[in-house]
Amino acid sequence: MAMIKKSITVTDQQDHWIKSQIEMGFYGNESEVFRELIRERQLRERASTQALEAVREKLEQAEQNGFCEQSPSEILQDIKNGFGKHAHQDQQ
């Protein structure tokens, strides 16, 4: 893996935090700090993307199932009473 050298600017407070992480032995040098932070962000973005895809899939499934014939007030009443009771009452 090729390593590319970057130059960045941080605040005094950020610099102090980075140095303290190294002094406490969490990292061997500043580059390790930044690489770890980047990896953590990449993982969060990947998880967020996966969650969004799951929601999108559920919405597509719901769309394929068709529209509900209940009125908004009936839907609200079902929510207040607990999901699925309206459908159960229709079957009786």
PDB file of N, CA and C in Angstrom:
ATOM      1  N   MET A   1       0.851  -1.172   0.000  1.00  0.00           N
ATOM      2  CA  MET A   1       0.000   0.000   0.000  1.00  0.00           C
ATOM      3  C   MET A   1       0.900   1.239   0.000  1.00  0.00           C
ATOM      4  N   ALA A   2       0.666   2.108  -0.954  1.00  0.00           N
ATOM      5  CA  ALA A   2       1.462   3.334  -1.037  1.00  0.00           C
ATOM      6  C   ALA A   2       0.998   4.325   0.030  1.00  0.00           C
ATOM      7  N   MET A   3       1.941   4.991   0.635  1.00  0.00           N
ATOM      8  CA  MET A   3       1.632   6.011   1.629  1.00  0.00           C
ATOM      9  C   MET A   3       1.869   7.369   0.994  1.00  0.00           C
ATOM     10  N   ILE A   4       0.915   8.261   1.176  1.00  0.00           N
ATOM     11  CA  ILE A   4       1.012   9.601   0.613  1.00  0.00           C
ATOM     12  C   ILE A   4       1.142  10.584   1.766  1.00  0.00           C
ATOM     13  N   LYS A   5       2.108  11.435   1.680  1.00  0.00           N
ATOM     14  CA  LYS A   5       2.355  12.410   2.743  1.00  0.00           C
ATOM     15  C   LYS A   5       1.397  13.588   2.563  1.00  0.00           C
ATOM     16  N   LYS A   6       0.776  13.991   3.667  1.00  0.00           N
ATOM     17  CA  LYS A   6      -0.153  15.114   3.687  1.00  0.00           C
ATOM     18  C   LYS A   6       0.303  16.131   4.720  1.00  0.00           C
ATOM     19  N   SER A   7      -0.024  17.360   4.476  1.00  0.00           N
ATOM     20  CA  SER A   7       0.247  18.411   5.445  1.00  0.00           C
ATOM     21  C   SER A   7      -1.102  18.972   5.883  1.00  0.00           C
ATOM     22  N   ILE A   8      -1.335  19.007   7.204  1.00  0.00           N
ATOM     23  CA  ILE A   8      -2.609  19.522   7.702  1.00  0.00           C
ATOM     24  C   ILE A   8      -2.362  20.583   8.771  1.00  0.00           C
ATOM     25  N   THR A   9      -3.389  21.338   9.046  1.00  0.00           N
ATOM     26  CA  THR A   9      -3.326  22.364  10.083  1.00  0.00           C
ATOM     27  C   THR A   9      -4.369  22.038  11.135  1.00  0.00           C
ATOM     28  N   VAL A  10      -3.983  22.092  12.406  1.00  0.00           N
ATOM     29  CA  VAL A  10      -4.901  21.836  13.518  1.00  0.00           C
ATOM     30  C   VAL A  10      -4.817  22.997  14.499  1.00  0.00           C
ATOM     31  N   THR A  11      -5.822  23.092  15.352  1.00  0.00           N
ATOM     32  CA  THR A  11      -5.806  24.133  16.386  1.00  0.00           C
ATOM     33  C   THR A  11      -4.846  23.724  17.495  1.00  0.00           C
ATOM     34  N   ASP A  12      -4.537  24.663  18.383  1.00  0.00           N
ATOM     35  CA  ASP A  12      -3.684  24.352  19.532  1.00  0.00           C
ATOM     36  C   ASP A  12      -4.307  23.263  20.391  1.00  0.00           C
ATOM     37  N   GLN A  13      -5.618  23.353  20.593  1.00  0.00           N
ATOM     38  CA  GLN A  13      -6.320  22.371  21.410  1.00  0.00           C
ATOM     39  C   GLN A  13      -6.238  20.978  20.765  1.00  0.00           C
ATOM     40  N   GLN A  14      -6.438  20.901  19.459  1.00  0.00           N
ATOM     41  CA  GLN A  14      -6.341  19.619  18.757  1.00  0.00           C
ATOM     42  C   GLN A  14      -4.923  19.064  18.829  1.00  0.00           C
ATOM     43  N   ASP A  15      -3.939  19.928  18.681  1.00  0.00           N
ATOM     44  CA  ASP A  15      -2.545  19.498  18.756  1.00  0.00           C
ATOM     45  C   ASP A  15      -2.239  18.922  20.134  1.00  0.00           C
ATOM     46  N   HIS A  16      -2.730  19.608  21.170  1.00  0.00           N
ATOM     47  CA  HIS A  16      -2.517  19.124  22.538  1.00  0.00           C
ATOM     48  C   HIS A  16      -3.159  17.744  22.715  1.00  0.00           C
ATOM     49  N   TRP A  17      -4.375  17.569  22.198  1.00  0.00           N
ATOM     50  CA  TRP A  17      -5.066  16.287  22.326  1.00  0.00           C
ATOM     51  C   TRP A  17      -4.287  15.184  21.598  1.00  0.00           C
ATOM     52  N   ILE A  18      -3.836  15.463  20.398  1.00  0.00           N
ATOM     53  CA  ILE A  18      -3.069  14.479  19.618  1.00  0.00           C
ATOM     54  C   ILE A  18      -1.809  14.071  20.381  1.00  0.00           C
ATOM     55  N   LYS A  19      -1.082  15.064  20.877  1.00  0.00           N
ATOM     56  CA  LYS A  19       0.145  14.771  21.626  1.00  0.00           C
ATOM     57  C   LYS A  19      -0.133  13.984  22.896  1.00  0.00           C
ATOM     58  N   SER A  20      -1.252  14.296  23.561  1.00  0.00           N
ATOM     59  CA  SER A  20      -1.589  13.568  24.787  1.00  0.00           C
ATOM     60  C   SER A  20      -1.924  12.103  24.477  1.00  0.00           C
ATOM     61  N   GLN A  21      -2.548  11.839  23.341  1.00  0.00           N
ATOM     62  CA  GLN A  21      -2.855  10.465  22.936  1.00  0.00           C
ATOM     63  C   GLN A  21      -1.567   9.665  22.736  1.00  0.00           C
ATOM     64  N   ILE A  22      -0.572  10.328  22.150  1.00  0.00           N
ATOM     65  CA  ILE A  22       0.718   9.677  21.919  1.00  0.00           C
ATOM     66  C   ILE A  22       1.449   9.468  23.242  1.00  0.00           C
ATOM     67  N   GLU A  23       1.439  10.493  24.116  1.00  0.00           N
ATOM     68  CA  GLU A  23       2.114  10.394  25.412  1.00  0.00           C
ATOM     69  C   GLU A  23       1.516   9.295  26.285  1.00  0.00           C
ATOM     70  N   MET A  24       0.190   9.085  26.167  1.00  0.00           N
ATOM     71  CA  MET A  24      -0.465   8.048  26.959  1.00  0.00           C
ATOM     72  C   MET A  24      -0.252   6.662  26.362  1.00  0.00           C
ATOM     73  N   GLY A  25       0.389   6.603  25.211  1.00  0.00           N
ATOM     74  CA  GLY A  25       0.713   5.317  24.611  1.00  0.00           C
ATOM     75  C   GLY A  25      -0.358   4.723  23.715  1.00  0.00           C
ATOM     76  N   PHE A  26      -1.396   5.494  23.424  1.00  0.00           N
ATOM     77  CA  PHE A  26      -2.449   4.991  22.546  1.00  0.00           C
ATOM     78  C   PHE A  26      -1.971   4.872  21.096  1.00  0.00           C
ATOM     79  N   TYR A  27      -1.038   5.737  20.718  1.00  0.00           N
ATOM     80  CA  TYR A  27      -0.509   5.772  19.349  1.00  0.00           C
ATOM     81  C   TYR A  27       0.993   5.990  19.395  1.00  0.00           C
ATOM     82  N   GLY A  28       1.673   5.543  18.355  1.00  0.00           N
ATOM     83  CA  GLY A  28       3.118   5.719  18.287  1.00  0.00           C
ATOM     84  C   GLY A  28       3.529   7.053  17.703  1.00  0.00           C
ATOM     85  N   ASN A  29       2.662   7.624  16.867  1.00  0.00           N
ATOM     86  CA  ASN A  29       2.980   8.915  16.249  1.00  0.00           C
ATOM     87  C   ASN A  29       1.692   9.582  15.745  1.00  0.00           C
ATOM     88  N   GLU A  30       1.831  10.797  15.267  1.00  0.00           N
ATOM     89  CA  GLU A  30       0.668  11.565  14.825  1.00  0.00           C
ATOM     90  C   GLU A  30      -0.046  10.908  13.648  1.00  0.00           C
ATOM     91  N   SER A  31       0.707  10.313  12.737  1.00  0.00           N
ATOM     92  CA  SER A  31       0.089   9.669  11.585  1.00  0.00           C
ATOM     93  C   SER A  31      -0.867   8.561  12.013  1.00  0.00           C
ATOM     94  N   GLU A  32      -0.482   7.804  13.036  1.00  0.00           N
ATOM     95  CA  GLU A  32      -1.350   6.738  13.521  1.00  0.00           C
ATOM     96  C   GLU A  32      -2.661   7.301  14.067  1.00  0.00           C
ATOM     97  N   VAL A  33      -2.594   8.443  14.734  1.00  0.00           N
ATOM     98  CA  VAL A  33      -3.799   9.087  15.263  1.00  0.00           C
ATOM     99  C   VAL A  33      -4.745   9.403  14.113  1.00  0.00           C
ATOM    100  N   PHE A  34      -4.232  10.053  13.096  1.00  0.00           N
ATOM    101  CA  PHE A  34      -5.084  10.461  11.976  1.00  0.00           C
ATOM    102  C   PHE A  34      -5.632   9.276  11.204  1.00  0.00           C
ATOM    103  N   ARG A  35      -4.801   8.262  10.993  1.00  0.00           N
ATOM    104  CA  ARG A  35      -5.287   7.081  10.268  1.00  0.00           C
ATOM    105  C   ARG A  35      -6.409   6.392  11.037  1.00  0.00           C
ATOM    106  N   GLU A  36      -6.263   6.308  12.358  1.00  0.00           N
ATOM    107  CA  GLU A  36      -7.319   5.691  13.171  1.00  0.00           C
ATOM    108  C   GLU A  36      -8.610   6.504  13.098  1.00  0.00           C
ATOM    109  N   LEU A  37      -8.510   7.810  13.183  1.00  0.00           N
ATOM    110  CA  LEU A  37      -9.699   8.655  13.094  1.00  0.00           C
ATOM    111  C   LEU A  37     -10.385   8.497  11.742  1.00  0.00           C
ATOM    112  N   ILE A  38      -9.605   8.406  10.692  1.00  0.00           N
ATOM    113  CA  ILE A  38     -10.163   8.215   9.350  1.00  0.00           C
ATOM    114  C   ILE A  38     -10.852   6.855   9.252  1.00  0.00           C
ATOM    115  N   ARG A  39     -10.216   5.807   9.780  1.00  0.00           N
ATOM    116  CA  ARG A  39     -10.825   4.470   9.753  1.00  0.00           C
ATOM    117  C   ARG A  39     -12.156   4.459  10.499  1.00  0.00           C
ATOM    118  N   GLU A  40     -12.201   5.095  11.671  1.00  0.00           N
ATOM    119  CA  GLU A  40     -13.442   5.156  12.447  1.00  0.00           C
ATOM    120  C   GLU A  40     -14.543   5.851  11.649  1.00  0.00           C
ATOM    121  N   ARG A  41     -14.202   6.946  10.992  1.00  0.00           N
ATOM    122  CA  ARG A  41     -15.188   7.675  10.186  1.00  0.00           C
ATOM    123  C   ARG A  41     -15.665   6.823   9.020  1.00  0.00           C
ATOM    124  N   GLN A  42     -14.751   6.107   8.384  1.00  0.00           N
ATOM    125  CA  GLN A  42     -15.128   5.242   7.270  1.00  0.00           C
ATOM    126  C   GLN A  42     -16.095   4.152   7.732  1.00  0.00           C
ATOM    127  N   LEU A  43     -15.852   3.588   8.911  1.00  0.00           N
ATOM    128  CA  LEU A  43     -16.748   2.566   9.450  1.00  0.00           C
ATOM    129  C   LEU A  43     -18.127   3.140   9.739  1.00  0.00           C
ATOM    130  N   ARG A  44     -18.174   4.342  10.326  1.00  0.00           N
ATOM    131  CA  ARG A  44     -19.468   4.992  10.609  1.00  0.00           C
ATOM    132  C   ARG A  44     -20.226   5.255   9.318  1.00  0.00           C
ATOM    133  N   GLU A  45     -19.527   5.739   8.295  1.00  0.00           N
ATOM    134  CA  GLU A  45     -20.185   6.010   7.023  1.00  0.00           C
ATOM    135  C   GLU A  45     -20.710   4.722   6.393  1.00  0.00           C
ATOM    136  N   ARG A  46     -19.929   3.660   6.484  1.00  0.00           N
ATOM    137  CA  ARG A  46     -20.350   2.371   5.924  1.00  0.00           C
ATOM    138  C   ARG A  46     -21.600   1.875   6.652  1.00  0.00           C
ATOM    139  N   ALA A  47     -21.605   1.981   7.981  1.00  0.00           N
ATOM    140  CA  ALA A  47     -22.763   1.551   8.764  1.00  0.00           C
ATOM    141  C   ALA A  47     -23.987   2.394   8.431  1.00  0.00           C
ATOM    142  N   SER A  48     -23.777   3.684   8.269  1.00  0.00           N
ATOM    143  CA  SER A  48     -24.873   4.583   7.922  1.00  0.00           C
ATOM    144  C   SER A  48     -25.439   4.244   6.550  1.00  0.00           C
ATOM    145  N   THR A  49     -24.569   3.955   5.612  1.00  0.00           N
ATOM    146  CA  THR A  49     -25.000   3.590   4.265  1.00  0.00           C
ATOM    147  C   THR A  49     -25.788   2.286   4.300  1.00  0.00           C
ATOM    148  N   GLN A  50     -25.328   1.324   5.088  1.00  0.00           N
ATOM    149  CA  GLN A  50     -26.031   0.045   5.198  1.00  0.00           C
ATOM    150  C   GLN A  50     -27.410   0.243   5.824  1.00  0.00           C
ATOM    151  N   ALA A  51     -27.507   1.098   6.828  1.00  0.00           N
ATOM    152  CA  ALA A  51     -28.798   1.368   7.459  1.00  0.00           C
ATOM    153  C   ALA A  51     -29.742   2.038   6.469  1.00  0.00           C
ATOM    154  N   LEU A  52     -29.226   2.981   5.710  1.00  0.00           N
ATOM    155  CA  LEU A  52     -30.041   3.668   4.709  1.00  0.00           C
ATOM    156  C   LEU A  52     -30.537   2.687   3.656  1.00  0.00           C
ATOM    157  N   GLU A  53     -29.684   1.781   3.227  1.00  0.00           N
ATOM    158  CA  GLU A  53     -30.078   0.772   2.248  1.00  0.00           C
ATOM    159  C   GLU A  53     -31.164  -0.138   2.815  1.00  0.00           C
ATOM    160  N   ALA A  54     -31.068  -0.482   4.094  1.00  0.00           N
ATOM    161  CA  ALA A  54     -32.086  -1.325   4.729  1.00  0.00           C
ATOM    162  C   ALA A  54     -33.431  -0.613   4.762  1.00  0.00           C
ATOM    163  N   VAL A  55     -33.423   0.669   5.080  1.00  0.00           N
ATOM    164  CA  VAL A  55     -34.659   1.451   5.091  1.00  0.00           C
ATOM    165  C   VAL A  55     -35.227   1.539   3.682  1.00  0.00           C
ATOM    166  N   ARG A  56     -34.364   1.806   2.716  1.00  0.00           N
ATOM    167  CA  ARG A  56     -34.805   1.889   1.327  1.00  0.00           C
ATOM    168  C   ARG A  56     -35.445   0.573   0.877  1.00  0.00           C
ATOM    169  N   GLU A  57     -34.836  -0.536   1.257  1.00  0.00           N
ATOM    170  CA  GLU A  57     -35.374  -1.850   0.902  1.00  0.00           C
ATOM    171  C   GLU A  57     -36.747  -2.064   1.523  1.00  0.00           C
ATOM    172  N   LYS A  58     -36.901  -1.687   2.793  1.00  0.00           N
ATOM    173  CA  LYS A  58     -38.194  -1.825   3.467  1.00  0.00           C
ATOM    174  C   LYS A  58     -39.254  -0.950   2.796  1.00  0.00           C
ATOM    175  N   LEU A  59     -38.884   0.257   2.398  1.00  0.00           N
ATOM    176  CA  LEU A  59     -39.830   1.142   1.717  1.00  0.00           C
ATOM    177  C   LEU A  59     -40.249   0.567   0.371  1.00  0.00           C
ATOM    178  N   GLU A  60     -39.294  -0.005  -0.351  1.00  0.00           N
ATOM    179  CA  GLU A  60     -39.612  -0.623  -1.636  1.00  0.00           C
ATOM    180  C   GLU A  60     -40.547  -1.805  -1.447  1.00  0.00           C
ATOM    181  N   GLN A  61     -40.314  -2.611  -0.405  1.00  0.00           N
ATOM    182  CA  GLN A  61     -41.198  -3.749  -0.113  1.00  0.00           C
ATOM    183  C   GLN A  61     -42.607  -3.260   0.210  1.00  0.00           C
ATOM    184  N   ALA A  62     -42.685  -2.207   1.024  1.00  0.00           N
ATOM    185  CA  ALA A  62     -43.993  -1.662   1.383  1.00  0.00           C
ATOM    186  C   ALA A  62     -44.709  -1.112   0.151  1.00  0.00           C
ATOM    187  N   GLU A  63     -43.972  -0.466  -0.710  1.00  0.00           N
ATOM    188  CA  GLU A  63     -44.544   0.090  -1.938  1.00  0.00           C
ATOM    189  C   GLU A  63     -45.091  -1.023  -2.835  1.00  0.00           C
ATOM    190  N   GLN A  64     -44.386  -2.137  -2.904  1.00  0.00           N
ATOM    191  CA  GLN A  64     -44.833  -3.260  -3.720  1.00  0.00           C
ATOM    192  C   GLN A  64     -46.074  -3.927  -3.146  1.00  0.00           C
ATOM    193  N   ASN A  65     -46.272  -3.798  -1.844  1.00  0.00           N
ATOM    194  CA  ASN A  65     -47.444  -4.397  -1.195  1.00  0.00           C
ATOM    195  C   ASN A  65     -48.712  -3.592  -1.445  1.00  0.00           C
ATOM    196  N   GLY A  66     -48.608  -2.406  -1.972  1.00  0.00           N
ATOM    197  CA  GLY A  66     -49.784  -1.592  -2.263  1.00  0.00           C
ATOM    198  C   GLY A  66     -50.075  -0.581  -1.183  1.00  0.00           C
ATOM    199  N   PHE A  67     -51.094   0.191  -1.445  1.00  0.00           N
ATOM    200  CA  PHE A  67     -51.475   1.262  -0.540  1.00  0.00           C
ATOM    201  C   PHE A  67     -52.514   0.788   0.465  1.00  0.00           C
ATOM    202  N   CYS A  68     -52.536   1.425   1.564  1.00  0.00           N
ATOM    203  CA  CYS A  68     -53.486   1.129   2.621  1.00  0.00           C
ATOM    204  C   CYS A  68     -54.805   1.826   2.303  1.00  0.00           C
ATOM    205  N   GLU A  69     -55.917   1.144   2.594  1.00  0.00           N
ATOM    206  CA  GLU A  69     -57.226   1.736   2.315  1.00  0.00           C
ATOM    207  C   GLU A  69     -57.803   2.436   3.533  1.00  0.00           C
ATOM    208  N   GLN A  70     -57.052   2.439   4.627  1.00  0.00           N
ATOM    209  CA  GLN A  70     -57.530   3.096   5.836  1.00  0.00           C
ATOM    210  C   GLN A  70     -57.403   4.612   5.695  1.00  0.00           C
ATOM    211  N   SER A  71     -58.290   5.309   6.381  1.00  0.00           N
ATOM    212  CA  SER A  71     -58.197   6.769   6.437  1.00  0.00           C
ATOM    213  C   SER A  71     -57.119   7.141   7.446  1.00  0.00           C
ATOM    214  N   PRO A  72     -56.628   8.367   7.379  1.00  0.00           N
ATOM    215  CA  PRO A  72     -55.622   8.798   8.374  1.00  0.00           C
ATOM    216  C   PRO A  72     -56.115   8.639   9.813  1.00  0.00           C
ATOM    217  N   SER A  73     -57.393   8.930  10.060  1.00  0.00           N
ATOM    218  CA  SER A  73     -57.907   8.798  11.429  1.00  0.00           C
ATOM    219  C   SER A  73     -57.960   7.332  11.858  1.00  0.00           C
ATOM    220  N   GLU A  74     -58.276   6.426  10.915  1.00  0.00           N
ATOM    221  CA  GLU A  74     -58.263   4.996  11.243  1.00  0.00           C
ATOM    222  C   GLU A  74     -56.846   4.518  11.547  1.00  0.00           C
ATOM    223  N   ILE A  75     -55.886   4.998  10.777  1.00  0.00           N
ATOM    224  CA  ILE A  75     -54.486   4.634  11.016  1.00  0.00           C
ATOM    225  C   ILE A  75     -54.049   5.126  12.388  1.00  0.00           C
ATOM    226  N   LEU A  76     -54.417   6.373  12.716  1.00  0.00           N
ATOM    227  CA  LEU A  76     -54.071   6.936  14.021  1.00  0.00           C
ATOM    228  C   LEU A  76     -54.701   6.116  15.140  1.00  0.00           C
ATOM    229  N   GLN A  77     -55.953   5.707  14.949  1.00  0.00           N
ATOM    230  CA  GLN A  77     -56.612   4.898  15.965  1.00  0.00           C
ATOM    231  C   GLN A  77     -55.910   3.556  16.130  1.00  0.00           C
ATOM    232  N   ASP A  78     -55.485   2.945  15.020  1.00  0.00           N
ATOM    233  CA  ASP A  78     -54.735   1.688  15.100  1.00  0.00           C
ATOM    234  C   ASP A  78     -53.439   1.865  15.877  1.00  0.00           C
ATOM    235  N   ILE A  79     -52.767   2.982  15.652  1.00  0.00           N
ATOM    236  CA  ILE A  79     -51.522   3.254  16.371  1.00  0.00           C
ATOM    237  C   ILE A  79     -51.798   3.369  17.866  1.00  0.00           C
ATOM    238  N   LYS A  80     -52.877   4.071  18.205  1.00  0.00           N
ATOM    239  CA  LYS A  80     -53.221   4.228  19.619  1.00  0.00           C
ATOM    240  C   LYS A  80     -53.621   2.896  20.259  1.00  0.00           C
ATOM    241  N   ASN A  81     -54.287   2.050  19.489  1.00  0.00           N
ATOM    242  CA  ASN A  81     -54.771   0.767  20.013  1.00  0.00           C
ATOM    243  C   ASN A  81     -53.738  -0.349  19.912  1.00  0.00           C
ATOM    244  N   GLY A  82     -52.722  -0.135  19.101  1.00  0.00           N
ATOM    245  CA  GLY A  82     -51.746  -1.194  18.867  1.00  0.00           C
ATOM    246  C   GLY A  82     -51.883  -1.682  17.435  1.00  0.00           C
ATOM    247  N   PHE A  83     -50.780  -1.850  16.763  1.00  0.00           N
ATOM    248  CA  PHE A  83     -50.788  -2.233  15.356  1.00  0.00           C
ATOM    249  C   PHE A  83     -51.458  -3.574  15.131  1.00  0.00           C
ATOM    250  N   GLY A  84     -52.157  -3.685  14.006  1.00  0.00           N
ATOM    251  CA  GLY A  84     -52.717  -4.953  13.576  1.00  0.00           C
ATOM    252  C   GLY A  84     -54.118  -5.232  14.074  1.00  0.00           C
ATOM    253  N   LYS A  85     -54.633  -4.452  15.003  1.00  0.00           N
ATOM    254  CA  LYS A  85     -55.967  -4.726  15.531  1.00  0.00           C
ATOM    255  C   LYS A  85     -57.043  -4.449  14.494  1.00  0.00           C
ATOM    256  N   HIS A  86     -56.853  -3.428  13.677  1.00  0.00           N
ATOM    257  CA  HIS A  86     -57.843  -3.084  12.656  1.00  0.00           C
ATOM    258  C   HIS A  86     -57.986  -4.217  11.660  1.00  0.00           C
ATOM    259  N   ALA A  87     -56.856  -4.776  11.215  1.00  0.00           N
ATOM    260  CA  ALA A  87     -56.868  -5.884  10.258  1.00  0.00           C
ATOM    261  C   ALA A  87     -57.534  -7.099  10.896  1.00  0.00           C
ATOM    262  N   HIS A  88     -57.292  -7.336  12.177  1.00  0.00           N
ATOM    263  CA  HIS A  88     -57.880  -8.477  12.883  1.00  0.00           C
ATOM    264  C   HIS A  88     -59.398  -8.307  12.973  1.00  0.00           C
ATOM    265  N   GLN A  89     -59.888  -7.100  13.249  1.00  0.00           N
ATOM    266  CA  GLN A  89     -61.313  -6.835  13.358  1.00  0.00           C
ATOM    267  C   GLN A  89     -61.998  -7.044  12.015  1.00  0.00           C
ATOM    268  N   ASP A  90     -61.318  -6.703  10.907  1.00  0.00           N
ATOM    269  CA  ASP A  90     -61.899  -6.872   9.576  1.00  0.00           C
ATOM    270  C   ASP A  90     -62.110  -8.337   9.247  1.00  0.00           C
ATOM    271  N   GLN A  91     -61.263  -9.214   9.804  1.00  0.00           N
ATOM    272  CA  GLN A  91     -61.348 -10.626   9.502  1.00  0.00           C
ATOM    273  C   GLN A  91     -62.469 -11.306  10.270  1.00  0.00           C
ATOM    274  N   GLN A  92     -62.949 -10.692  11.344  1.00  0.00           N
ATOM    275  CA  GLN A  92     -63.997 -11.307  12.169  1.00  0.00           C
ATOM    276  C   GLN A  92     -65.354 -11.147  11.540  1.00  0.00           C
TER     277      GLN A  92
END
